[in-house]
Amino acid sequence: MRRQKAVQIGELVNQFLREEGLETPYNEFRMEKAWGEVMGQGIVRYTGRVFVKSQALYVELRSSVIRQELMLGRQQLVARLNNYVGAQVIQKIVFI
């Protein structure tokens, strides 16, 4: 017996999130978690709060040396993080 119009569960979940207006908050939550996964334990050790506001990722860093190094590659980090999440969630990173 062949199923007609079979849809993958992931597509259904994404459609539901979009319809309920939850896609953006969910992607922002995923972006906050992606920081630690993309950057690794070496950077996370010096990271405080991480949050998304107005399409910007705010990252509290406790090391001025790491802050300076990361500022040099900020645009590449934006691309890597958006790619990891699979959506255009942020446009910039602000180190605080």
PDB file of N, CA and C in Angstrom:
ATOM      1  N   MET A   1       0.835  -1.160   0.000  1.00  0.00           N
ATOM      2  CA  MET A   1       0.000   0.000   0.000  1.00  0.00           C
ATOM      3  C   MET A   1       0.892   1.239   0.000  1.00  0.00           C
ATOM      4  N   ARG A   2       0.632   2.138  -0.889  1.00  0.00           N
ATOM      5  CA  ARG A   2       1.432   3.335  -1.047  1.00  0.00           C
ATOM      6  C   ARG A   2       0.753   4.541  -0.394  1.00  0.00           C
ATOM      7  N   ARG A   3       1.507   5.305   0.347  1.00  0.00           N
ATOM      8  CA  ARG A   3       0.945   6.483   1.011  1.00  0.00           C
ATOM      9  C   ARG A   3       0.959   7.665   0.054  1.00  0.00           C
ATOM     10  N   GLN A   4      -0.075   8.395   0.070  1.00  0.00           N
ATOM     11  CA  GLN A   4      -0.182   9.585  -0.765  1.00  0.00           C
ATOM     12  C   GLN A   4       0.139  10.833   0.059  1.00  0.00           C
ATOM     13  N   LYS A   5       0.848  11.733  -0.550  1.00  0.00           N
ATOM     14  CA  LYS A   5       1.173  13.022   0.075  1.00  0.00           C
ATOM     15  C   LYS A   5       1.873  12.866   1.422  1.00  0.00           C
ATOM     16  N   ALA A   6       2.820  11.980   1.513  1.00  0.00           N
ATOM     17  CA  ALA A   6       3.588  11.806   2.746  1.00  0.00           C
ATOM     18  C   ALA A   6       4.498  13.022   2.944  1.00  0.00           C
ATOM     19  N   VAL A   7       4.524  13.517   4.163  1.00  0.00           N
ATOM     20  CA  VAL A   7       5.327  14.687   4.497  1.00  0.00           C
ATOM     21  C   VAL A   7       6.233  14.318   5.656  1.00  0.00           C
ATOM     22  N   GLN A   8       7.493  14.766   5.574  1.00  0.00           N
ATOM     23  CA  GLN A   8       8.429  14.479   6.649  1.00  0.00           C
ATOM     24  C   GLN A   8       8.028  15.237   7.912  1.00  0.00           C
ATOM     25  N   ILE A   9       8.297  14.622   9.043  1.00  0.00           N
ATOM     26  CA  ILE A   9       7.902  15.203  10.333  1.00  0.00           C
ATOM     27  C   ILE A   9       8.587  16.549  10.569  1.00  0.00           C
ATOM     28  N   GLY A  10       9.826  16.692  10.122  1.00  0.00           N
ATOM     29  CA  GLY A  10      10.543  17.956  10.286  1.00  0.00           C
ATOM     30  C   GLY A  10       9.854  19.102   9.568  1.00  0.00           C
ATOM     31  N   GLU A  11       9.320  18.818   8.388  1.00  0.00           N
ATOM     32  CA  GLU A  11       8.598  19.843   7.638  1.00  0.00           C
ATOM     33  C   GLU A  11       7.313  20.237   8.362  1.00  0.00           C
ATOM     34  N   LEU A  12       6.640  19.255   8.953  1.00  0.00           N
ATOM     35  CA  LEU A  12       5.420  19.546   9.700  1.00  0.00           C
ATOM     36  C   LEU A  12       5.701  20.406  10.927  1.00  0.00           C
ATOM     37  N   VAL A  13       6.771  20.105  11.623  1.00  0.00           N
ATOM     38  CA  VAL A  13       7.141  20.886  12.808  1.00  0.00           C
ATOM     39  C   VAL A  13       7.471  22.317  12.403  1.00  0.00           C
ATOM     40  N   ASN A  14       8.259  22.482  11.348  1.00  0.00           N
ATOM     41  CA  ASN A  14       8.605  23.830  10.881  1.00  0.00           C
ATOM     42  C   ASN A  14       7.368  24.605  10.455  1.00  0.00           C
ATOM     43  N   GLN A  15       6.446  23.950   9.780  1.00  0.00           N
ATOM     44  CA  GLN A  15       5.210  24.591   9.355  1.00  0.00           C
ATOM     45  C   GLN A  15       4.389  25.026  10.571  1.00  0.00           C
ATOM     46  N   PHE A  16       4.309  24.170  11.566  1.00  0.00           N
ATOM     47  CA  PHE A  16       3.579  24.501  12.793  1.00  0.00           C
ATOM     48  C   PHE A  16       4.199  25.710  13.491  1.00  0.00           C
ATOM     49  N   LEU A  17       5.528  25.719  13.629  1.00  0.00           N
ATOM     50  CA  LEU A  17       6.211  26.832  14.283  1.00  0.00           C
ATOM     51  C   LEU A  17       5.955  28.141  13.537  1.00  0.00           C
ATOM     52  N   ARG A  18       6.013  28.078  12.207  1.00  0.00           N
ATOM     53  CA  ARG A  18       5.772  29.260  11.390  1.00  0.00           C
ATOM     54  C   ARG A  18       4.341  29.775  11.589  1.00  0.00           C
ATOM     55  N   GLU A  19       3.376  28.874  11.537  1.00  0.00           N
ATOM     56  CA  GLU A  19       1.967  29.255  11.660  1.00  0.00           C
ATOM     57  C   GLU A  19       1.647  29.831  13.034  1.00  0.00           C
ATOM     58  N   GLU A  20       2.282  29.337  14.068  1.00  0.00           N
ATOM     59  CA  GLU A  20       2.018  29.802  15.433  1.00  0.00           C
ATOM     60  C   GLU A  20       2.887  30.983  15.850  1.00  0.00           C
ATOM     61  N   GLY A  21       3.748  31.453  14.952  1.00  0.00           N
ATOM     62  CA  GLY A  21       4.606  32.586  15.264  1.00  0.00           C
ATOM     63  C   GLY A  21       5.735  32.242  16.215  1.00  0.00           C
ATOM     64  N   LEU A  22       6.137  30.983  16.245  1.00  0.00           N
ATOM     65  CA  LEU A  22       7.180  30.531  17.169  1.00  0.00           C
ATOM     66  C   LEU A  22       8.515  30.271  16.487  1.00  0.00           C
ATOM     67  N   GLU A  23       8.570  30.431  15.177  1.00  0.00           N
ATOM     68  CA  GLU A  23       9.802  30.119  14.454  1.00  0.00           C
ATOM     69  C   GLU A  23      10.959  31.037  14.872  1.00  0.00           C
ATOM     70  N   THR A  24      10.709  32.330  14.956  1.00  0.00           N
ATOM     71  CA  THR A  24      11.774  33.272  15.325  1.00  0.00           C
ATOM     72  C   THR A  24      12.271  33.040  16.752  1.00  0.00           C
ATOM     73  N   PRO A  25      11.398  32.937  17.750  1.00  0.00           N
ATOM     74  CA  PRO A  25      11.907  32.669  19.109  1.00  0.00           C
ATOM     75  C   PRO A  25      12.656  31.341  19.204  1.00  0.00           C
ATOM     76  N   TYR A  26      12.182  30.342  18.488  1.00  0.00           N
ATOM     77  CA  TYR A  26      12.856  29.043  18.514  1.00  0.00           C
ATOM     78  C   TYR A  26      14.248  29.150  17.894  1.00  0.00           C
ATOM     79  N   ASN A  27      14.364  29.848  16.769  1.00  0.00           N
ATOM     80  CA  ASN A  27      15.673  30.014  16.130  1.00  0.00           C
ATOM     81  C   ASN A  27      16.612  30.851  16.989  1.00  0.00           C
ATOM     82  N   GLU A  28      16.075  31.829  17.703  1.00  0.00           N
ATOM     83  CA  GLU A  28      16.910  32.624  18.610  1.00  0.00           C
ATOM     84  C   GLU A  28      17.438  31.763  19.752  1.00  0.00           C
ATOM     85  N   PHE A  29      16.586  30.900  20.285  1.00  0.00           N
ATOM     86  CA  PHE A  29      17.008  29.968  21.333  1.00  0.00           C
ATOM     87  C   PHE A  29      18.109  29.046  20.810  1.00  0.00           C
ATOM     88  N   ARG A  30      17.919  28.523  19.594  1.00  0.00           N
ATOM     89  CA  ARG A  30      18.931  27.653  18.990  1.00  0.00           C
ATOM     90  C   ARG A  30      20.244  28.398  18.773  1.00  0.00           C
ATOM     91  N   MET A  31      20.170  29.681  18.427  1.00  0.00           N
ATOM     92  CA  MET A  31      21.377  30.483  18.206  1.00  0.00           C
ATOM     93  C   MET A  31      22.147  30.646  19.511  1.00  0.00           C
ATOM     94  N   GLU A  32      21.455  30.879  20.608  1.00  0.00           N
ATOM     95  CA  GLU A  32      22.123  31.026  21.898  1.00  0.00           C
ATOM     96  C   GLU A  32      22.864  29.747  22.269  1.00  0.00           C
ATOM     97  N   LYS A  33      22.268  28.608  22.001  1.00  0.00           N
ATOM     98  CA  LYS A  33      22.911  27.321  22.289  1.00  0.00           C
ATOM     99  C   LYS A  33      24.031  27.027  21.290  1.00  0.00           C
ATOM    100  N   ALA A  34      23.885  27.522  20.065  1.00  0.00           N
ATOM    101  CA  ALA A  34      24.888  27.265  19.023  1.00  0.00           C
ATOM    102  C   ALA A  34      26.231  27.909  19.357  1.00  0.00           C
ATOM    103  N   TRP A  35      26.221  29.023  20.091  1.00  0.00           N
ATOM    104  CA  TRP A  35      27.470  29.701  20.442  1.00  0.00           C
ATOM    105  C   TRP A  35      28.439  28.725  21.096  1.00  0.00           C
ATOM    106  N   GLY A  36      27.990  28.023  22.112  1.00  0.00           N
ATOM    107  CA  GLY A  36      28.857  27.081  22.822  1.00  0.00           C
ATOM    108  C   GLY A  36      29.273  25.905  21.971  1.00  0.00           C
ATOM    109  N   GLU A  37      28.384  25.423  21.122  1.00  0.00           N
ATOM    110  CA  GLU A  37      28.687  24.272  20.289  1.00  0.00           C
ATOM    111  C   GLU A  37      29.655  24.619  19.163  1.00  0.00           C
ATOM    112  N   VAL A  38      29.505  25.797  18.598  1.00  0.00           N
ATOM    113  CA  VAL A  38      30.381  26.209  17.489  1.00  0.00           C
ATOM    114  C   VAL A  38      31.748  26.652  18.009  1.00  0.00           C
ATOM    115  N   MET A  39      31.776  27.369  19.122  1.00  0.00           N
ATOM    116  CA  MET A  39      33.025  27.945  19.607  1.00  0.00           C
ATOM    117  C   MET A  39      33.871  26.972  20.423  1.00  0.00           C
ATOM    118  N   GLY A  40      33.260  26.007  21.061  1.00  0.00           N
ATOM    119  CA  GLY A  40      34.031  25.033  21.821  1.00  0.00           C
ATOM    120  C   GLY A  40      34.301  25.478  23.246  1.00  0.00           C
ATOM    121  N   GLN A  41      34.814  24.545  24.036  1.00  0.00           N
ATOM    122  CA  GLN A  41      35.033  24.778  25.468  1.00  0.00           C
ATOM    123  C   GLN A  41      36.085  25.849  25.756  1.00  0.00           C
ATOM    124  N   GLY A  42      37.060  26.006  24.883  1.00  0.00           N
ATOM    125  CA  GLY A  42      38.105  27.006  25.111  1.00  0.00           C
ATOM    126  C   GLY A  42      37.557  28.418  25.196  1.00  0.00           C
ATOM    127  N   ILE A  43      36.587  28.736  24.351  1.00  0.00           N
ATOM    128  CA  ILE A  43      35.969  30.063  24.349  1.00  0.00           C
ATOM    129  C   ILE A  43      34.842  30.128  25.376  1.00  0.00           C
ATOM    130  N   VAL A  44      34.076  29.060  25.490  1.00  0.00           N
ATOM    131  CA  VAL A  44      32.928  29.040  26.411  1.00  0.00           C
ATOM    132  C   VAL A  44      33.373  29.279  27.848  1.00  0.00           C
ATOM    133  N   ARG A  45      34.568  28.859  28.176  1.00  0.00           N
ATOM    134  CA  ARG A  45      35.105  29.050  29.524  1.00  0.00           C
ATOM    135  C   ARG A  45      35.158  30.535  29.904  1.00  0.00           C
ATOM    136  N   TYR A  46      35.339  31.405  28.916  1.00  0.00           N
ATOM    137  CA  TYR A  46      35.432  32.840  29.155  1.00  0.00           C
ATOM    138  C   TYR A  46      34.158  33.586  28.766  1.00  0.00           C
ATOM    139  N   THR A  47      33.081  32.841  28.513  1.00  0.00           N
ATOM    140  CA  THR A  47      31.818  33.428  28.077  1.00  0.00           C
ATOM    141  C   THR A  47      30.838  33.491  29.236  1.00  0.00           C
ATOM    142  N   GLY A  48      30.164  34.623  29.345  1.00  0.00           N
ATOM    143  CA  GLY A  48      29.093  34.784  30.320  1.00  0.00           C
ATOM    144  C   GLY A  48      27.749  34.614  29.639  1.00  0.00           C
ATOM    145  N   ARG A  49      26.913  35.633  29.738  1.00  0.00           N
ATOM    146  CA  ARG A  49      25.584  35.572  29.127  1.00  0.00           C
ATOM    147  C   ARG A  49      25.675  35.626  27.604  1.00  0.00           C
ATOM    148  N   VAL A  50      24.762  34.909  26.961  1.00  0.00           N
ATOM    149  CA  VAL A  50      24.625  34.930  25.512  1.00  0.00           C
ATOM    150  C   VAL A  50      23.139  35.062  25.218  1.00  0.00           C
ATOM    151  N   PHE A  51      22.769  36.110  24.451  1.00  0.00           N
ATOM    152  CA  PHE A  51      21.358  36.280  24.119  1.00  0.00           C
ATOM    153  C   PHE A  51      21.211  37.006  22.784  1.00  0.00           C
ATOM    154  N   VAL A  52      20.045  36.827  22.176  1.00  0.00           N
ATOM    155  CA  VAL A  52      19.730  37.448  20.898  1.00  0.00           C
ATOM    156  C   VAL A  52      18.706  38.539  21.140  1.00  0.00           C
ATOM    157  N   LYS A  53      18.966  39.706  20.522  1.00  0.00           N
ATOM    158  CA  LYS A  53      18.031  40.828  20.608  1.00  0.00           C
ATOM    159  C   LYS A  53      18.162  41.646  19.326  1.00  0.00           C
ATOM    160  N   SER A  54      17.058  41.838  18.643  1.00  0.00           N
ATOM    161  CA  SER A  54      17.021  42.656  17.422  1.00  0.00           C
ATOM    162  C   SER A  54      18.025  42.184  16.380  1.00  0.00           C
ATOM    163  N   GLN A  55      18.036  40.929  16.113  1.00  0.00           N
ATOM    164  CA  GLN A  55      18.906  40.277  15.124  1.00  0.00           C
ATOM    165  C   GLN A  55      20.393  40.475  15.410  1.00  0.00           C
ATOM    166  N   ALA A  56      20.727  40.636  16.670  1.00  0.00           N
ATOM    167  CA  ALA A  56      22.126  40.732  17.088  1.00  0.00           C
ATOM    168  C   ALA A  56      22.357  39.722  18.209  1.00  0.00           C
ATOM    169  N   LEU A  57      23.490  39.043  18.145  1.00  0.00           N
ATOM    170  CA  LEU A  57      23.879  38.107  19.197  1.00  0.00           C
ATOM    171  C   LEU A  57      24.790  38.860  20.159  1.00  0.00           C
ATOM    172  N   TYR A  58      24.357  38.970  21.402  1.00  0.00           N
ATOM    173  CA  TYR A  58      25.146  39.634  22.440  1.00  0.00           C
ATOM    174  C   TYR A  58      25.871  38.563  23.244  1.00  0.00           C
ATOM    175  N   VAL A  59      27.190  38.715  23.341  1.00  0.00           N
ATOM    176  CA  VAL A  59      28.017  37.736  24.035  1.00  0.00           C
ATOM    177  C   VAL A  59      28.871  38.459  25.058  1.00  0.00           C
ATOM    178  N   GLU A  60      28.725  38.058  26.311  1.00  0.00           N
ATOM    179  CA  GLU A  60      29.535  38.620  27.386  1.00  0.00           C
ATOM    180  C   GLU A  60      30.827  37.811  27.484  1.00  0.00           C
ATOM    181  N   LEU A  61      31.955  38.482  27.307  1.00  0.00           N
ATOM    182  CA  LEU A  61      33.257  37.820  27.388  1.00  0.00           C
ATOM    183  C   LEU A  61      34.033  38.373  28.574  1.00  0.00           C
ATOM    184  N   ARG A  62      34.698  37.479  29.287  1.00  0.00           N
ATOM    185  CA  ARG A  62      35.460  37.867  30.468  1.00  0.00           C
ATOM    186  C   ARG A  62      36.954  38.011  30.180  1.00  0.00           C
ATOM    187  N   SER A  63      37.336  37.912  28.912  1.00  0.00           N
ATOM    188  CA  SER A  63      38.740  38.050  28.536  1.00  0.00           C
ATOM    189  C   SER A  63      38.868  39.076  27.416  1.00  0.00           C
ATOM    190  N   SER A  64      39.618  40.133  27.679  1.00  0.00           N
ATOM    191  CA  SER A  64      39.789  41.170  26.662  1.00  0.00           C
ATOM    192  C   SER A  64      40.606  40.658  25.474  1.00  0.00           C
ATOM    193  N   VAL A  65      41.500  39.737  25.719  1.00  0.00           N
ATOM    194  CA  VAL A  65      42.319  39.173  24.634  1.00  0.00           C
ATOM    195  C   VAL A  65      41.431  38.373  23.682  1.00  0.00           C
ATOM    196  N   ILE A  66      40.563  37.539  24.223  1.00  0.00           N
ATOM    197  CA  ILE A  66      39.660  36.748  23.384  1.00  0.00           C
ATOM    198  C   ILE A  66      38.670  37.667  22.678  1.00  0.00           C
ATOM    199  N   ARG A  67      38.181  38.691  23.362  1.00  0.00           N
ATOM    200  CA  ARG A  67      37.267  39.648  22.748  1.00  0.00           C
ATOM    201  C   ARG A  67      37.914  40.270  21.516  1.00  0.00           C
ATOM    202  N   GLN A  68      39.153  40.691  21.648  1.00  0.00           N
ATOM    203  CA  GLN A  68      39.864  41.326  20.534  1.00  0.00           C
ATOM    204  C   GLN A  68      40.049  40.362  19.373  1.00  0.00           C
ATOM    205  N   GLU A  69      40.424  39.124  19.662  1.00  0.00           N
ATOM    206  CA  GLU A  69      40.608  38.120  18.614  1.00  0.00           C
ATOM    207  C   GLU A  69      39.304  37.826  17.878  1.00  0.00           C
ATOM    208  N   LEU A  70      38.221  37.696  18.634  1.00  0.00           N
ATOM    209  CA  LEU A  70      36.941  37.379  18.022  1.00  0.00           C
ATOM    210  C   LEU A  70      36.379  38.555  17.222  1.00  0.00           C
ATOM    211  N   MET A  71      36.698  39.765  17.618  1.00  0.00           N
ATOM    212  CA  MET A  71      36.221  40.938  16.881  1.00  0.00           C
ATOM    213  C   MET A  71      36.796  40.966  15.470  1.00  0.00           C
ATOM    214  N   LEU A  72      37.990  40.441  15.304  1.00  0.00           N
ATOM    215  CA  LEU A  72      38.606  40.440  13.977  1.00  0.00           C
ATOM    216  C   LEU A  72      37.860  39.540  12.993  1.00  0.00           C
ATOM    217  N   GLY A  73      37.265  38.471  13.487  1.00  0.00           N
ATOM    218  CA  GLY A  73      36.571  37.540  12.610  1.00  0.00           C
ATOM    219  C   GLY A  73      35.074  37.522  12.822  1.00  0.00           C
ATOM    220  N   ARG A  74      34.517  38.667  13.214  1.00  0.00           N
ATOM    221  CA  ARG A  74      33.098  38.743  13.558  1.00  0.00           C
ATOM    222  C   ARG A  74      32.176  38.334  12.407  1.00  0.00           C
ATOM    223  N   GLN A  75      32.430  38.805  11.204  1.00  0.00           N
ATOM    224  CA  GLN A  75      31.555  38.491  10.066  1.00  0.00           C
ATOM    225  C   GLN A  75      31.588  37.002   9.734  1.00  0.00           C
ATOM    226  N   GLN A  76      32.750  36.379   9.846  1.00  0.00           N
ATOM    227  CA  GLN A  76      32.844  34.943   9.607  1.00  0.00           C
ATOM    228  C   GLN A  76      32.074  34.172  10.677  1.00  0.00           C
ATOM    229  N   LEU A  77      32.112  34.664  11.910  1.00  0.00           N
ATOM    230  CA  LEU A  77      31.361  34.023  12.995  1.00  0.00           C
ATOM    231  C   LEU A  77      29.855  34.121  12.755  1.00  0.00           C
ATOM    232  N   VAL A  78      29.400  35.259  12.286  1.00  0.00           N
ATOM    233  CA  VAL A  78      27.976  35.425  11.978  1.00  0.00           C
ATOM    234  C   VAL A  78      27.562  34.389  10.946  1.00  0.00           C
ATOM    235  N   ALA A  79      28.356  34.248   9.891  1.00  0.00           N
ATOM    236  CA  ALA A  79      28.038  33.283   8.838  1.00  0.00           C
ATOM    237  C   ALA A  79      28.054  31.850   9.375  1.00  0.00           C
ATOM    238  N   ARG A  80      29.069  31.512  10.180  1.00  0.00           N
ATOM    239  CA  ARG A  80      29.161  30.155  10.737  1.00  0.00           C
ATOM    240  C   ARG A  80      27.986  29.827  11.643  1.00  0.00           C
ATOM    241  N   LEU A  81      27.610  30.764  12.502  1.00  0.00           N
ATOM    242  CA  LEU A  81      26.508  30.533  13.430  1.00  0.00           C
ATOM    243  C   LEU A  81      25.173  30.412  12.703  1.00  0.00           C
ATOM    244  N   ASN A  82      24.925  31.310  11.740  1.00  0.00           N
ATOM    245  CA  ASN A  82      23.689  31.213  10.961  1.00  0.00           C
ATOM    246  C   ASN A  82      23.632  29.904  10.188  1.00  0.00           C
ATOM    247  N   ASN A  83      24.757  29.504   9.631  1.00  0.00           N
ATOM    248  CA  ASN A  83      24.814  28.246   8.897  1.00  0.00           C
ATOM    249  C   ASN A  83      24.539  27.062   9.828  1.00  0.00           C
ATOM    250  N   TYR A  84      25.080  27.102  11.025  1.00  0.00           N
ATOM    251  CA  TYR A  84      24.885  26.023  11.993  1.00  0.00           C
ATOM    252  C   TYR A  84      23.411  25.891  12.375  1.00  0.00           C
ATOM    253  N   VAL A  85      22.747  27.026  12.575  1.00  0.00           N
ATOM    254  CA  VAL A  85      21.333  27.016  12.945  1.00  0.00           C
ATOM    255  C   VAL A  85      20.462  26.684  11.737  1.00  0.00           C
ATOM    256  N   GLY A  86      20.941  27.046  10.553  1.00  0.00           N
ATOM    257  CA  GLY A  86      20.171  26.757   9.346  1.00  0.00           C
ATOM    258  C   GLY A  86      19.165  27.832   8.999  1.00  0.00           C
ATOM    259  N   ALA A  87      19.363  29.031   9.525  1.00  0.00           N
ATOM    260  CA  ALA A  87      18.471  30.151   9.242  1.00  0.00           C
ATOM    261  C   ALA A  87      19.235  31.455   9.466  1.00  0.00           C
ATOM    262  N   GLN A  88      18.783  32.519   8.820  1.00  0.00           N
ATOM    263  CA  GLN A  88      19.383  33.840   8.992  1.00  0.00           C
ATOM    264  C   GLN A  88      18.788  34.465  10.257  1.00  0.00           C
ATOM    265  N   VAL A  89      19.409  34.177  11.397  1.00  0.00           N
ATOM    266  CA  VAL A  89      18.885  34.619  12.690  1.00  0.00           C
ATOM    267  C   VAL A  89      19.524  35.932  13.119  1.00  0.00           C
ATOM    268  N   ILE A  90      20.831  36.063  12.917  1.00  0.00           N
ATOM    269  CA  ILE A  90      21.537  37.269  13.362  1.00  0.00           C
ATOM    270  C   ILE A  90      22.225  37.945  12.190  1.00  0.00           C
ATOM    271  N   GLN A  91      22.435  39.247  12.341  1.00  0.00           N
ATOM    272  CA  GLN A  91      23.177  40.015  11.356  1.00  0.00           C
ATOM    273  C   GLN A  91      24.507  40.509  11.891  1.00  0.00           C
ATOM    274  N   LYS A  92      24.618  40.524  13.228  1.00  0.00           N
ATOM    275  CA  LYS A  92      25.872  40.974  13.822  1.00  0.00           C
ATOM    276  C   LYS A  92      26.051  40.358  15.190  1.00  0.00           C
ATOM    277  N   ILE A  93      27.290  40.440  15.687  1.00  0.00           N
ATOM    278  CA  ILE A  93      27.621  39.985  17.034  1.00  0.00           C
ATOM    279  C   ILE A  93      28.149  41.186  17.807  1.00  0.00           C
ATOM    280  N   VAL A  94      27.662  41.353  19.023  1.00  0.00           N
ATOM    281  CA  VAL A  94      28.114  42.421  19.893  1.00  0.00           C
ATOM    282  C   VAL A  94      28.754  41.786  21.119  1.00  0.00           C
ATOM    283  N   PHE A  95      30.027  42.095  21.348  1.00  0.00           N
ATOM    284  CA  PHE A  95      30.728  41.563  22.504  1.00  0.00           C
ATOM    285  C   PHE A  95      30.630  42.579  23.645  1.00  0.00           C
ATOM    286  N   ILE A  96      30.145  42.110  24.796  1.00  0.00           N
ATOM    287  CA  ILE A  96      29.977  42.996  25.946  1.00  0.00           C
ATOM    288  C   ILE A  96      30.828  42.500  27.103  1.00  0.00           C
TER     289      ILE A  96
END
